[in-house]
C-alpha atoms as a PDB file:
ATOM      1  CA  UNK A   1     -37.290   9.365  34.180  1.00  0.00           C
ATOM      2  CA  UNK A   2     -34.346   7.910  32.299  1.00  0.00           C
ATOM      3  CA  UNK A   3     -30.931   8.883  33.539  1.00  0.00           C
ATOM      4  CA  UNK A   4     -28.402   9.193  30.741  1.00  0.00           C
ATOM      5  CA  UNK A   5     -25.183   7.265  31.084  1.00  0.00           C
ATOM      6  CA  UNK A   6     -22.165   9.454  31.749  1.00  0.00           C
ATOM      7  CA  UNK A   7     -20.085  10.118  28.633  1.00  0.00           C
ATOM      8  CA  UNK A   8     -17.111   7.867  28.088  1.00  0.00           C
ATOM      9  CA  UNK A   9     -13.850   9.833  28.361  1.00  0.00           C
ATOM     10  CA  UNK A  10     -12.418  10.586  24.926  1.00  0.00           C
ATOM     11  CA  UNK A  11      -9.054   9.100  25.861  1.00  0.00           C
ATOM     12  CA  UNK A  12     -10.708   5.764  26.634  1.00  0.00           C
ATOM     13  CA  UNK A  13     -12.636   5.850  23.353  1.00  0.00           C
ATOM     14  CA  UNK A  14      -9.392   6.425  21.470  1.00  0.00           C
ATOM     15  CA  UNK A  15      -7.593   3.649  23.362  1.00  0.00           C
ATOM     16  CA  UNK A  16     -10.368   1.195  22.560  1.00  0.00           C
ATOM     17  CA  UNK A  17     -10.429   2.131  18.887  1.00  0.00           C
ATOM     18  CA  UNK A  18      -6.653   1.824  18.661  1.00  0.00           C
ATOM     19  CA  UNK A  19      -6.792  -1.569  20.389  1.00  0.00           C
ATOM     20  CA  UNK A  20      -9.324  -2.790  17.827  1.00  0.00           C
ATOM     21  CA  UNK A  21      -7.233  -1.449  14.950  1.00  0.00           C
ATOM     22  CA  UNK A  22      -4.091  -3.097  16.331  1.00  0.00           C
ATOM     23  CA  UNK A  23      -5.901  -6.406  16.815  1.00  0.00           C
ATOM     24  CA  UNK A  24      -7.311  -6.186  13.308  1.00  0.00           C
ATOM     25  CA  UNK A  25      -3.868  -5.526  11.875  1.00  0.00           C
ATOM     26  CA  UNK A  26      -2.440  -8.619  13.576  1.00  0.00           C
ATOM     27  CA  UNK A  27      -5.282 -10.897  12.537  1.00  0.00           C
ATOM     28  CA  UNK A  28      -5.717  -9.619   8.972  1.00  0.00           C
ATOM     29  CA  UNK A  29      -1.972 -10.002   8.417  1.00  0.00           C
ATOM     30  CA  UNK A  30      -2.312 -13.683   9.281  1.00  0.00           C
ATOM     31  CA  UNK A  31      -5.427 -14.522   7.293  1.00  0.00           C
ATOM     32  CA  UNK A  32      -8.166 -13.180   5.055  1.00  0.00           C
ATOM     33  CA  UNK A  33     -11.207 -11.411   6.443  1.00  0.00           C
ATOM     34  CA  UNK A  34     -13.490 -14.410   5.860  1.00  0.00           C
ATOM     35  CA  UNK A  35     -11.332 -16.415   8.271  1.00  0.00           C
ATOM     36  CA  UNK A  36     -11.464 -13.766  11.009  1.00  0.00           C
ATOM     37  CA  UNK A  37     -14.481 -13.541  13.324  1.00  0.00           C
ATOM     38  CA  UNK A  38     -15.467 -10.497  15.348  1.00  0.00           C
ATOM     39  CA  UNK A  39     -15.042 -12.709  18.423  1.00  0.00           C
ATOM     40  CA  UNK A  40     -11.393 -13.158  17.397  1.00  0.00           C
ATOM     41  CA  UNK A  41     -10.945  -9.401  17.057  1.00  0.00           C
ATOM     42  CA  UNK A  42     -12.446  -8.436  20.411  1.00  0.00           C
ATOM     43  CA  UNK A  43     -10.546 -11.225  22.163  1.00  0.00           C
ATOM     44  CA  UNK A  44      -7.263 -10.011  20.676  1.00  0.00           C
ATOM     45  CA  UNK A  45      -8.136  -6.407  21.568  1.00  0.00           C
ATOM     46  CA  UNK A  46      -9.252  -7.290  25.095  1.00  0.00           C
ATOM     47  CA  UNK A  47     -12.616  -5.531  24.809  1.00  0.00           C
ATOM     48  CA  UNK A  48     -16.248  -6.587  25.076  1.00  0.00           C
ATOM     49  CA  UNK A  49     -18.007  -7.620  21.882  1.00  0.00           C
ATOM     50  CA  UNK A  50     -20.629  -4.898  22.237  1.00  0.00           C
ATOM     51  CA  UNK A  51     -17.871  -2.307  22.376  1.00  0.00           C
ATOM     52  CA  UNK A  52     -16.763  -3.248  18.866  1.00  0.00           C
ATOM     53  CA  UNK A  53     -19.988  -1.878  17.401  1.00  0.00           C
ATOM     54  CA  UNK A  54     -19.463   1.484  19.066  1.00  0.00           C
ATOM     55  CA  UNK A  55     -16.529   1.952  16.683  1.00  0.00           C
ATOM     56  CA  UNK A  56     -17.199  -0.120  13.562  1.00  0.00           C
ATOM     57  CA  UNK A  57     -20.350  -1.396  11.867  1.00  0.00           C
ATOM     58  CA  UNK A  58     -18.754  -4.737  11.024  1.00  0.00           C
ATOM     59  CA  UNK A  59     -15.383  -6.337  10.353  1.00  0.00           C
ATOM     60  CA  UNK A  60     -15.410  -5.012   6.780  1.00  0.00           C
ATOM     61  CA  UNK A  61     -15.506  -1.480   8.176  1.00  0.00           C
ATOM     62  CA  UNK A  62     -12.551  -2.280  10.442  1.00  0.00           C
ATOM     63  CA  UNK A  63     -10.592  -3.713   7.530  1.00  0.00           C
ATOM     64  CA  UNK A  64     -11.420  -0.692   5.370  1.00  0.00           C
ATOM     65  CA  UNK A  65     -10.094   1.628   8.080  1.00  0.00           C
ATOM     66  CA  UNK A  66      -6.865  -0.364   8.334  1.00  0.00           C
ATOM     67  CA  UNK A  67      -6.283  -0.637   4.575  1.00  0.00           C
ATOM     68  CA  UNK A  68      -7.057   3.055   4.074  1.00  0.00           C
ATOM     69  CA  UNK A  69      -4.574   3.957   6.802  1.00  0.00           C
ATOM     70  CA  UNK A  70      -1.846   1.807   5.240  1.00  0.00           C
ATOM     71  CA  UNK A  71      -2.404   3.027   1.711  1.00  0.00           C
ATOM     72  CA  UNK A  72      -2.713   6.671   2.798  1.00  0.00           C
ATOM     73  CA  UNK A  73       0.676   6.421   4.504  1.00  0.00           C
ATOM     74  CA  UNK A  74       2.197   5.023   1.309  1.00  0.00           C
ATOM     75  CA  UNK A  75       0.617   7.810  -0.748  1.00  0.00           C
ATOM     76  CA  UNK A  76       2.046  10.418   1.633  1.00  0.00           C
ATOM     77  CA  UNK A  77       5.510   8.899   1.253  1.00  0.00           C
ATOM     78  CA  UNK A  78       5.161   8.930  -2.517  1.00  0.00           C
ATOM     79  CA  UNK A  79       4.134  12.595  -2.481  1.00  0.00           C
ATOM     80  CA  UNK A  80       7.125  13.450  -0.306  1.00  0.00           C
ATOM     81  CA  UNK A  81       9.696  11.549  -2.327  1.00  0.00           C
ATOM     82  CA  UNK A  82       8.363  12.918  -5.626  1.00  0.00           C
ATOM     83  CA  UNK A  83       8.257  16.528  -4.463  1.00  0.00           C
ATOM     84  CA  UNK A  84       9.945  18.732  -7.047  1.00  0.00           C
ATOM     85  CA  UNK A  85      10.167  15.979  -9.687  1.00  0.00           C
ATOM     86  CA  UNK A  86       8.356  16.787 -12.927  1.00  0.00           C
ATOM     87  CA  UNK A  87       9.135  13.835 -15.222  1.00  0.00           C
ATOM     88  CA  UNK A  88       6.084  11.494 -15.173  1.00  0.00           C
ATOM     89  CA  UNK A  89       8.248   8.489 -16.035  1.00  0.00           C
ATOM     90  CA  UNK A  90      10.493   9.104 -13.041  1.00  0.00           C
ATOM     91  CA  UNK A  91       7.549   9.856 -10.761  1.00  0.00           C
ATOM     92  CA  UNK A  92       5.640   6.649 -11.491  1.00  0.00           C
ATOM     93  CA  UNK A  93       8.815   4.568 -11.174  1.00  0.00           C
ATOM     94  CA  UNK A  94       9.605   6.096  -7.798  1.00  0.00           C
ATOM     95  CA  UNK A  95       5.998   5.535  -6.716  1.00  0.00           C
ATOM     96  CA  UNK A  96       6.279   1.811  -7.432  1.00  0.00           C
ATOM     97  CA  UNK A  97       9.585   1.676  -5.559  1.00  0.00           C
ATOM     98  CA  UNK A  98       8.089   3.414  -2.512  1.00  0.00           C
ATOM     99  CA  UNK A  99       5.257   0.873  -2.496  1.00  0.00           C
ATOM    100  CA  UNK A 100       7.705  -2.036  -2.504  1.00  0.00           C
ATOM    101  CA  UNK A 101       9.973  -0.383   0.079  1.00  0.00           C
ATOM    102  CA  UNK A 102       6.970   0.045   2.376  1.00  0.00           C
ATOM    103  CA  UNK A 103       6.249  -3.689   2.158  1.00  0.00           C
ATOM    104  CA  UNK A 104       9.911  -4.505   2.824  1.00  0.00           C
ATOM    105  CA  UNK A 105       9.761  -2.232   5.869  1.00  0.00           C
ATOM    106  CA  UNK A 106       6.516  -3.742   7.159  1.00  0.00           C
ATOM    107  CA  UNK A 107       5.820  -7.241   5.811  1.00  0.00           C
ATOM    108  CA  UNK A 108       2.750  -7.460   8.063  1.00  0.00           C
ATOM    109  CA  UNK A 109       1.158  -4.476   6.347  1.00  0.00           C
ATOM    110  CA  UNK A 110       2.034  -6.008   2.995  1.00  0.00           C
ATOM    111  CA  UNK A 111       0.321  -9.219   4.072  1.00  0.00           C
ATOM    112  CA  UNK A 112      -2.816  -7.281   5.030  1.00  0.00           C
ATOM    113  CA  UNK A 113      -2.974  -5.768   1.554  1.00  0.00           C
ATOM    114  CA  UNK A 114      -2.236  -9.095  -0.112  1.00  0.00           C
ATOM    115  CA  UNK A 115      -4.823 -11.071   1.864  1.00  0.00           C
ATOM    116  CA  UNK A 116      -7.567  -8.503   2.018  1.00  0.00           C
ATOM    117  CA  UNK A 117      -7.270  -5.796  -0.641  1.00  0.00           C
ATOM    118  CA  UNK A 118      -8.190  -7.549  -3.919  1.00  0.00           C
ATOM    119  CA  UNK A 119     -11.244  -5.351  -4.414  1.00  0.00           C
ATOM    120  CA  UNK A 120      -9.345  -2.106  -4.798  1.00  0.00           C
ATOM    121  CA  UNK A 121     -10.559  -0.071  -7.744  1.00  0.00           C
ATOM    122  CA  UNK A 122      -8.727   2.013 -10.302  1.00  0.00           C
ATOM    123  CA  UNK A 123     -11.237   4.780  -9.582  1.00  0.00           C
ATOM    124  CA  UNK A 124     -10.269   5.111  -5.903  1.00  0.00           C
ATOM    125  CA  UNK A 125      -9.105   8.528  -4.738  1.00  0.00           C
ATOM    126  CA  UNK A 126      -5.884   6.961  -3.448  1.00  0.00           C
ATOM    127  CA  UNK A 127      -4.869   6.442  -7.093  1.00  0.00           C
ATOM    128  CA  UNK A 128      -5.272  10.117  -7.984  1.00  0.00           C
ATOM    129  CA  UNK A 129      -1.539  10.847  -7.839  1.00  0.00           C
ATOM    130  CA  UNK A 130      -0.666   8.022 -10.216  1.00  0.00           C
ATOM    131  CA  UNK A 131      -3.564   8.931 -12.480  1.00  0.00           C
ATOM    132  CA  UNK A 132      -2.320  12.532 -12.611  1.00  0.00           C
ATOM    133  CA  UNK A 133       1.215  11.443 -13.540  1.00  0.00           C
ATOM    134  CA  UNK A 134      -0.029   9.137 -16.277  1.00  0.00           C
ATOM    135  CA  UNK A 135      -2.284  11.860 -17.671  1.00  0.00           C
ATOM    136  CA  UNK A 136       0.616  14.323 -17.672  1.00  0.00           C
ATOM    137  CA  UNK A 137       2.815  11.800 -19.442  1.00  0.00           C
ATOM    138  CA  UNK A 138       0.168  11.118 -22.057  1.00  0.00           C
ATOM    139  CA  UNK A 139      -0.477  14.822 -22.717  1.00  0.00           C
ATOM    140  CA  UNK A 140       3.207  15.640 -23.074  1.00  0.00           C
ATOM    141  CA  UNK A 141       3.999  12.590 -25.193  1.00  0.00           C
ATOM    142  CA  UNK A 142       6.468  11.366 -22.587  1.00  0.00           C
ATOM    143  CA  UNK A 143       4.443   8.177 -22.105  1.00  0.00           C
ATOM    144  CA  UNK A 144       2.867   6.235 -24.961  1.00  0.00           C
ATOM    145  CA  UNK A 145      -0.436   5.021 -23.526  1.00  0.00           C
ATOM    146  CA  UNK A 146      -3.693   4.048 -25.227  1.00  0.00           C
ATOM    147  CA  UNK A 147      -5.572   5.684 -22.328  1.00  0.00           C
ATOM    148  CA  UNK A 148      -4.819   6.839 -18.790  1.00  0.00           C
ATOM    149  CA  UNK A 149      -7.082   4.077 -17.485  1.00  0.00           C
ATOM    150  CA  UNK A 150      -5.120   1.422 -19.358  1.00  0.00           C
ATOM    151  CA  UNK A 151      -1.864   2.767 -17.951  1.00  0.00           C
ATOM    152  CA  UNK A 152      -3.320   2.849 -14.447  1.00  0.00           C
ATOM    153  CA  UNK A 153      -4.467  -0.762 -14.637  1.00  0.00           C
ATOM    154  CA  UNK A 154      -1.068  -1.800 -16.005  1.00  0.00           C
ATOM    155  CA  UNK A 155       0.810  -0.153 -13.125  1.00  0.00           C
ATOM    156  CA  UNK A 156      -1.632  -1.552 -10.558  1.00  0.00           C
ATOM    157  CA  UNK A 157      -0.996  -5.026 -11.961  1.00  0.00           C
ATOM    158  CA  UNK A 158       2.771  -4.599 -11.718  1.00  0.00           C
ATOM    159  CA  UNK A 159       2.425  -3.305  -8.156  1.00  0.00           C
ATOM    160  CA  UNK A 160       0.315  -6.306  -7.159  1.00  0.00           C
ATOM    161  CA  UNK A 161       2.832  -8.750  -8.633  1.00  0.00           C
ATOM    162  CA  UNK A 162       5.583  -7.052  -6.638  1.00  0.00           C
ATOM    163  CA  UNK A 163       3.425  -7.060  -3.494  1.00  0.00           C
ATOM    164  CA  UNK A 164       2.762 -10.787  -3.828  1.00  0.00           C
ATOM    165  CA  UNK A 165       6.385 -11.611  -4.576  1.00  0.00           C
ATOM    166  CA  UNK A 166       7.744  -9.478  -1.732  1.00  0.00           C
ATOM    167  CA  UNK A 167       5.352 -10.919   0.867  1.00  0.00           C
ATOM    168  CA  UNK A 168       5.676 -14.502  -0.382  1.00  0.00           C
ATOM    169  CA  UNK A 169       9.325 -14.242  -1.331  1.00  0.00           C
ATOM    170  CA  UNK A 170      11.625 -17.222  -1.614  1.00  0.00           C
ATOM    171  CA  UNK A 171      15.344 -17.272  -0.926  1.00  0.00           C
ATOM    172  CA  UNK A 172      16.142 -16.165  -4.467  1.00  0.00           C
ATOM    173  CA  UNK A 173      13.727 -13.207  -4.387  1.00  0.00           C
ATOM    174  CA  UNK A 174      15.318  -9.770  -4.397  1.00  0.00           C
ATOM    175  CA  UNK A 175      12.902  -6.830  -4.079  1.00  0.00           C
ATOM    176  CA  UNK A 176      15.607  -4.507  -5.371  1.00  0.00           C
ATOM    177  CA  UNK A 177      16.433  -6.483  -8.510  1.00  0.00           C
ATOM    178  CA  UNK A 178      12.921  -7.575  -9.408  1.00  0.00           C
ATOM    179  CA  UNK A 179      11.407  -4.136  -8.828  1.00  0.00           C
ATOM    180  CA  UNK A 180      14.106  -2.578 -10.969  1.00  0.00           C
ATOM    181  CA  UNK A 181      13.465  -5.093 -13.745  1.00  0.00           C
ATOM    182  CA  UNK A 182       9.674  -4.736 -13.700  1.00  0.00           C
ATOM    183  CA  UNK A 183       9.874  -0.945 -13.558  1.00  0.00           C
ATOM    184  CA  UNK A 184      12.187  -0.953 -16.578  1.00  0.00           C
ATOM    185  CA  UNK A 185       9.787  -3.263 -18.413  1.00  0.00           C
ATOM    186  CA  UNK A 186       6.900  -0.942 -17.540  1.00  0.00           C
ATOM    187  CA  UNK A 187       8.709   2.113 -18.861  1.00  0.00           C
ATOM    188  CA  UNK A 188       9.657   0.300 -22.065  1.00  0.00           C
ATOM    189  CA  UNK A 189       6.016  -0.722 -22.469  1.00  0.00           C
ATOM    190  CA  UNK A 190       5.110   2.948 -22.072  1.00  0.00           C
ATOM    191  CA  UNK A 191       7.395   3.952 -24.931  1.00  0.00           C
ATOM    192  CA  UNK A 192      10.746   4.797 -23.343  1.00  0.00           C
ATOM    193  CA  UNK A 193      13.924   3.593 -25.018  1.00  0.00           C
ATOM    194  CA  UNK A 194      15.467   0.606 -23.187  1.00  0.00           C
ATOM    195  CA  UNK A 195      18.653   2.384 -22.000  1.00  0.00           C
ATOM    196  CA  UNK A 196      16.696   5.272 -20.475  1.00  0.00           C
ATOM    197  CA  UNK A 197      14.073   2.959 -18.973  1.00  0.00           C
ATOM    198  CA  UNK A 198      16.749   0.841 -17.324  1.00  0.00           C
ATOM    199  CA  UNK A 199      18.603   3.897 -16.008  1.00  0.00           C
ATOM    200  CA  UNK A 200      15.482   5.445 -14.441  1.00  0.00           C
ATOM    201  CA  UNK A 201      14.491   2.123 -12.875  1.00  0.00           C
ATOM    202  CA  UNK A 202      17.986   1.455 -11.528  1.00  0.00           C
ATOM    203  CA  UNK A 203      18.323   4.913  -9.998  1.00  0.00           C
ATOM    204  CA  UNK A 204      14.904   4.757  -8.326  1.00  0.00           C
ATOM    205  CA  UNK A 205      15.340   1.248  -6.930  1.00  0.00           C
ATOM    206  CA  UNK A 206      18.835   2.003  -5.673  1.00  0.00           C
ATOM    207  CA  UNK A 207      17.766   5.224  -3.953  1.00  0.00           C
ATOM    208  CA  UNK A 208      14.517   3.968  -2.426  1.00  0.00           C
ATOM    209  CA  UNK A 209      14.580   0.192  -1.971  1.00  0.00           C
ATOM    210  CA  UNK A 210      18.248  -0.495  -1.252  1.00  0.00           C
ATOM    211  CA  UNK A 211      18.352   1.505   2.028  1.00  0.00           C
ATOM    212  CA  UNK A 212      15.137  -0.159   3.218  1.00  0.00           C
ATOM    213  CA  UNK A 213      16.417  -3.612   2.278  1.00  0.00           C
ATOM    214  CA  UNK A 214      19.626  -3.045   4.226  1.00  0.00           C
ATOM    215  CA  UNK A 215      17.656  -1.879   7.267  1.00  0.00           C
ATOM    216  CA  UNK A 216      15.388  -4.936   7.094  1.00  0.00           C
ATOM    217  CA  UNK A 217      18.396  -7.257   6.841  1.00  0.00           C
ATOM    218  CA  UNK A 218      20.055  -5.531   9.796  1.00  0.00           C
ATOM    219  CA  UNK A 219      17.017  -5.996  12.041  1.00  0.00           C
ATOM    220  CA  UNK A 220      16.237  -9.618  11.049  1.00  0.00           C
END
């Protein structure tokens, strides 16, 4: 007769999972997934190797959980900061600014996305908010886009450039200035007149990135 092992307390399961997630965050911020072994992860988490597989199928699954958590948090912030705002041009500009501000706030999370999130797809559910704003702008004539998909890919490209530049910044890099400039360029590319594009970009960057930049400088 086989005697079943006693169930592991839920609190311990949660602690172990959180330890693996925290270890993964540290390691994936330092290097790409191909340079991180499961042995590295369990050593950093302080757990047995067999325990890893009770929580994740492989290191790709761990990375997916971490990236999804990071990006979901950003999407929640975007939804909050855009609550009550109807103008698609303003909404997408503020979304880009929230993304950059999040990287300024947590460079390690930005590094995780930069090192390990090149396979993100325009069809992912996490892009639904941006896709909705672009579709609304196209329908109303507020944004001049060939297609929603083209607009989505354009904005994703701008966001990735800003991610790279913010994580790998040099002394002359200013997230506030460069985000404002690229957002204004994006809006002009989407059909807004230059003065309005520059005003929307300046207001969004000043309201969202400037406070985060000051906080980061204060804690450095």
